[in-house]
Amino acid sequence: MLHEGLPPEALAEACDLLPLQDVSGQVDDGMTRAIVESDHFGGPSLSESLLRAEVVKRAHAAGWKVFSLPIARTRRPVKDAVGYPDLTLARHGEVRFLELKTDKGMLNSEQWAWHDALPYCWIVRPSDLDDGRLAGVLK
């Protein structure tokens, strides 16, 4: 799941972006958990904003510096910034580019263009928090 090589058309057929349905209580670290339909063990999935908070926390704990463009959809510093990965991580001359998606979220054409253009670009989903794949990216 972290590094998906499917073309946009194939991914669009395999996944549907699902709307936020409900918000439930607190998880252990105090983050509110958004409930969305999910293919992750048939249960709830973190929203992209909560996934971002958890990934940033783990990246900092692993010694990475984290950069993110403003989330505002109305203004981007330059035209080509549209679709740029959500997080850029840097540490000791290494770099990682992370695009965050819900379990069934899809990349749009601009995001695919950046994904294909950048080295070390991964798609990170909530299921990657539990199965060790994110830990592998942050090693």
C-alpha atoms as a PDB file:
ATOM      1  CA  MET A   1       0.000   0.000   0.000  1.00  0.00           C
ATOM      2  CA  LEU A   2       2.797   2.458   0.710  1.00  0.00           C
ATOM      3  CA  HIS A   3       4.180   2.548  -2.809  1.00  0.00           C
ATOM      4  CA  GLU A   4       1.389   1.919  -5.250  1.00  0.00           C
ATOM      5  CA  GLY A   5       2.186   1.708  -8.930  1.00  0.00           C
ATOM      6  CA  LEU A   6      -1.362   1.580 -10.241  1.00  0.00           C
ATOM      7  CA  PRO A   7      -2.281   4.090 -12.942  1.00  0.00           C
ATOM      8  CA  PRO A   8      -5.058   6.528 -11.961  1.00  0.00           C
ATOM      9  CA  GLU A   9      -7.677   4.707 -14.045  1.00  0.00           C
ATOM     10  CA  ALA A  10      -7.035   1.351 -12.349  1.00  0.00           C
ATOM     11  CA  LEU A  11      -6.985   2.921  -8.901  1.00  0.00           C
ATOM     12  CA  ALA A  12     -10.223   4.763  -9.619  1.00  0.00           C
ATOM     13  CA  GLU A  13     -11.905   1.465 -10.440  1.00  0.00           C
ATOM     14  CA  ALA A  14     -10.518  -0.249  -7.349  1.00  0.00           C
ATOM     15  CA  CYS A  15     -11.380   2.451  -4.790  1.00  0.00           C
ATOM     16  CA  ASP A  16     -14.078   5.016  -4.137  1.00  0.00           C
ATOM     17  CA  LEU A  17     -13.418   8.097  -2.005  1.00  0.00           C
ATOM     18  CA  LEU A  18     -15.898   7.901   0.858  1.00  0.00           C
ATOM     19  CA  PRO A  19     -17.347  10.847   2.785  1.00  0.00           C
ATOM     20  CA  LEU A  20     -16.938  11.374   6.525  1.00  0.00           C
ATOM     21  CA  GLN A  21     -19.876   9.710   8.279  1.00  0.00           C
ATOM     22  CA  ASP A  22     -19.570  10.193  12.024  1.00  0.00           C
ATOM     23  CA  VAL A  23     -17.201  11.191  14.808  1.00  0.00           C
ATOM     24  CA  SER A  24     -16.755   8.996  17.876  1.00  0.00           C
ATOM     25  CA  GLY A  25     -14.961   9.345  21.211  1.00  0.00           C
ATOM     26  CA  GLN A  26     -11.267   9.573  22.032  1.00  0.00           C
ATOM     27  CA  VAL A  27      -8.434   7.132  21.392  1.00  0.00           C
ATOM     28  CA  ASP A  28      -5.601   6.612  23.860  1.00  0.00           C
ATOM     29  CA  ASP A  29      -3.539   9.637  22.763  1.00  0.00           C
ATOM     30  CA  GLY A  30      -6.528  11.995  22.918  1.00  0.00           C
ATOM     31  CA  MET A  31      -7.098  12.275  19.163  1.00  0.00           C
ATOM     32  CA  THR A  32     -10.719  12.298  18.009  1.00  0.00           C
ATOM     33  CA  ARG A  33     -11.267   9.430  15.605  1.00  0.00           C
ATOM     34  CA  ALA A  34     -13.359  10.001  12.498  1.00  0.00           C
ATOM     35  CA  ILE A  35     -15.448   7.022  11.413  1.00  0.00           C
ATOM     36  CA  VAL A  36     -15.488   6.277   7.696  1.00  0.00           C
ATOM     37  CA  GLU A  37     -16.226   3.137   5.739  1.00  0.00           C
ATOM     38  CA  SER A  38     -12.986   1.246   5.409  1.00  0.00           C
ATOM     39  CA  ASP A  39     -11.344  -1.804   3.919  1.00  0.00           C
ATOM     40  CA  HIS A  40      -8.973  -1.894   6.925  1.00  0.00           C
ATOM     41  CA  PHE A  41     -10.195  -4.978   8.826  1.00  0.00           C
ATOM     42  CA  GLY A  42     -13.760  -3.872   8.109  1.00  0.00           C
ATOM     43  CA  GLY A  43     -13.534  -1.220  10.817  1.00  0.00           C
ATOM     44  CA  PRO A  44     -13.117   2.520  11.228  1.00  0.00           C
ATOM     45  CA  SER A  45     -10.371   4.515   9.563  1.00  0.00           C
ATOM     46  CA  LEU A  46      -8.572   7.698  10.615  1.00  0.00           C
ATOM     47  CA  SER A  47      -9.375  10.849   8.679  1.00  0.00           C
ATOM     48  CA  GLU A  48      -6.513  12.321   6.664  1.00  0.00           C
ATOM     49  CA  SER A  49      -6.004  15.160   9.167  1.00  0.00           C
ATOM     50  CA  LEU A  50      -5.719  12.733  12.098  1.00  0.00           C
ATOM     51  CA  LEU A  51      -3.410  10.516  10.058  1.00  0.00           C
ATOM     52  CA  ARG A  52      -1.250  13.609   9.400  1.00  0.00           C
ATOM     53  CA  ALA A  53      -0.968  14.346  13.121  1.00  0.00           C
ATOM     54  CA  GLU A  54       0.090  10.774  13.910  1.00  0.00           C
ATOM     55  CA  VAL A  55       2.609  10.553  11.050  1.00  0.00           C
ATOM     56  CA  VAL A  56       4.179  13.902  12.023  1.00  0.00           C
ATOM     57  CA  LYS A  57       4.439  12.763  15.655  1.00  0.00           C
ATOM     58  CA  ARG A  58       6.168   9.520  14.622  1.00  0.00           C
ATOM     59  CA  ALA A  59       8.448  11.293  12.135  1.00  0.00           C
ATOM     60  CA  HIS A  60       9.607  13.765  14.786  1.00  0.00           C
ATOM     61  CA  ALA A  61      10.208  10.896  17.230  1.00  0.00           C
ATOM     62  CA  ALA A  62      12.418   9.242  14.579  1.00  0.00           C
ATOM     63  CA  GLY A  63      14.472  12.443  14.151  1.00  0.00           C
ATOM     64  CA  TRP A  64      12.971  13.725  10.867  1.00  0.00           C
ATOM     65  CA  LYS A  65      12.353  17.395  10.110  1.00  0.00           C
ATOM     66  CA  VAL A  66       8.867  17.797   8.617  1.00  0.00           C
ATOM     67  CA  PHE A  67       7.675  20.361   6.046  1.00  0.00           C
ATOM     68  CA  SER A  68       4.138  20.798   4.793  1.00  0.00           C
ATOM     69  CA  LEU A  69       2.538  23.310   2.441  1.00  0.00           C
ATOM     70  CA  PRO A  70      -0.460  25.172   3.856  1.00  0.00           C
ATOM     71  CA  ILE A  71      -3.598  23.049   3.726  1.00  0.00           C
ATOM     72  CA  ALA A  72      -5.754  25.889   2.313  1.00  0.00           C
ATOM     73  CA  ARG A  73      -7.220  24.798  -1.009  1.00  0.00           C
ATOM     74  CA  THR A  74      -7.719  28.318  -2.319  1.00  0.00           C
ATOM     75  CA  ARG A  75      -4.080  29.511  -2.451  1.00  0.00           C
ATOM     76  CA  ARG A  76      -0.859  27.767  -3.327  1.00  0.00           C
ATOM     77  CA  PRO A  77       2.528  29.518  -3.617  1.00  0.00           C
ATOM     78  CA  VAL A  78       2.982  28.412  -7.244  1.00  0.00           C
ATOM     79  CA  LYS A  79       0.836  26.620  -9.797  1.00  0.00           C
ATOM     80  CA  ASP A  80       2.934  23.455  -9.759  1.00  0.00           C
ATOM     81  CA  ALA A  81       2.397  23.085  -6.006  1.00  0.00           C
ATOM     82  CA  VAL A  82      -1.036  21.568  -6.723  1.00  0.00           C
ATOM     83  CA  GLY A  83      -0.790  17.867  -5.969  1.00  0.00           C
ATOM     84  CA  TYR A  84       2.553  18.145  -4.132  1.00  0.00           C
ATOM     85  CA  PRO A  85       2.816  15.471  -1.397  1.00  0.00           C
ATOM     86  CA  ASP A  86       1.361  16.313   2.001  1.00  0.00           C
ATOM     87  CA  LEU A  87       4.616  15.928   3.918  1.00  0.00           C
ATOM     88  CA  THR A  88       8.290  16.330   3.071  1.00  0.00           C
ATOM     89  CA  LEU A  89      10.648  14.713   5.579  1.00  0.00           C
ATOM     90  CA  ALA A  90      14.397  15.371   5.769  1.00  0.00           C
ATOM     91  CA  ARG A  91      17.111  13.907   7.991  1.00  0.00           C
ATOM     92  CA  HIS A  92      20.910  13.681   7.587  1.00  0.00           C
ATOM     93  CA  GLY A  93      20.821  14.232   3.819  1.00  0.00           C
ATOM     94  CA  GLU A  94      17.906  11.843   3.255  1.00  0.00           C
ATOM     95  CA  VAL A  95      14.468  12.895   2.059  1.00  0.00           C
ATOM     96  CA  ARG A  96      11.031  11.242   2.021  1.00  0.00           C
ATOM     97  CA  PHE A  97       7.839  12.498   0.370  1.00  0.00           C
ATOM     98  CA  LEU A  98       4.590  11.250   1.890  1.00  0.00           C
ATOM     99  CA  GLU A  99       1.115  11.521   0.387  1.00  0.00           C
ATOM    100  CA  LEU A 100      -1.489  10.823   3.068  1.00  0.00           C
ATOM    101  CA  LYS A 101      -4.741   9.109   2.157  1.00  0.00           C
ATOM    102  CA  THR A 102      -7.612   7.450   3.981  1.00  0.00           C
ATOM    103  CA  ASP A 103      -7.809   3.687   3.493  1.00  0.00           C
ATOM    104  CA  LYS A 104      -9.835   4.123   0.315  1.00  0.00           C
ATOM    105  CA  GLY A 105      -8.672   7.598  -0.746  1.00  0.00           C
ATOM    106  CA  MET A 106      -7.459   8.041  -4.311  1.00  0.00           C
ATOM    107  CA  LEU A 107      -4.704  10.179  -5.811  1.00  0.00           C
ATOM    108  CA  ASN A 108      -5.834  12.720  -8.390  1.00  0.00           C
ATOM    109  CA  SER A 109      -3.916  13.314 -11.625  1.00  0.00           C
ATOM    110  CA  GLU A 110      -1.774  16.126 -10.139  1.00  0.00           C
ATOM    111  CA  GLN A 111      -0.807  13.934  -7.172  1.00  0.00           C
ATOM    112  CA  TRP A 112       0.117  11.057  -9.522  1.00  0.00           C
ATOM    113  CA  ALA A 113       2.321  13.443 -11.534  1.00  0.00           C
ATOM    114  CA  TRP A 114       4.263  14.406  -8.376  1.00  0.00           C
ATOM    115  CA  HIS A 115       4.357  10.781  -7.186  1.00  0.00           C
ATOM    116  CA  ASP A 116       5.973   9.757 -10.470  1.00  0.00           C
ATOM    117  CA  ALA A 117       8.384  12.728 -10.510  1.00  0.00           C
ATOM    118  CA  LEU A 118       9.797  12.437  -6.988  1.00  0.00           C
ATOM    119  CA  PRO A 119      12.191   9.819  -5.620  1.00  0.00           C
ATOM    120  CA  TYR A 120      11.265   8.142  -2.339  1.00  0.00           C
ATOM    121  CA  CYS A 121       7.580   9.052  -2.565  1.00  0.00           C
ATOM    122  CA  TRP A 122       5.144   6.904  -0.604  1.00  0.00           C
ATOM    123  CA  ILE A 123       1.386   6.792  -0.157  1.00  0.00           C
ATOM    124  CA  VAL A 124       0.635   6.377   3.557  1.00  0.00           C
ATOM    125  CA  ARG A 125      -2.716   5.097   4.813  1.00  0.00           C
ATOM    126  CA  PRO A 126      -4.042   4.488   8.358  1.00  0.00           C
ATOM    127  CA  SER A 127      -3.422   0.742   8.006  1.00  0.00           C
ATOM    128  CA  ASP A 128       0.302   1.531   7.559  1.00  0.00           C
ATOM    129  CA  LEU A 129       0.447   2.762  11.167  1.00  0.00           C
ATOM    130  CA  ASP A 130      -0.307  -0.686  12.563  1.00  0.00           C
ATOM    131  CA  ASP A 131       1.459  -3.063  10.196  1.00  0.00           C
ATOM    132  CA  GLY A 132       4.969  -1.595  10.496  1.00  0.00           C
ATOM    133  CA  ARG A 133       5.241  -0.179   6.975  1.00  0.00           C
ATOM    134  CA  LEU A 134       5.390   3.430   8.185  1.00  0.00           C
ATOM    135  CA  ALA A 135       8.124   2.453  10.650  1.00  0.00           C
ATOM    136  CA  GLY A 136      10.081   1.063   7.687  1.00  0.00           C
ATOM    137  CA  VAL A 137       9.767   4.344   5.792  1.00  0.00           C
ATOM    138  CA  LEU A 138      10.893   6.329   8.846  1.00  0.00           C
ATOM    139  CA  LYS A 139      13.932   4.087   9.588  1.00  0.00           C
END
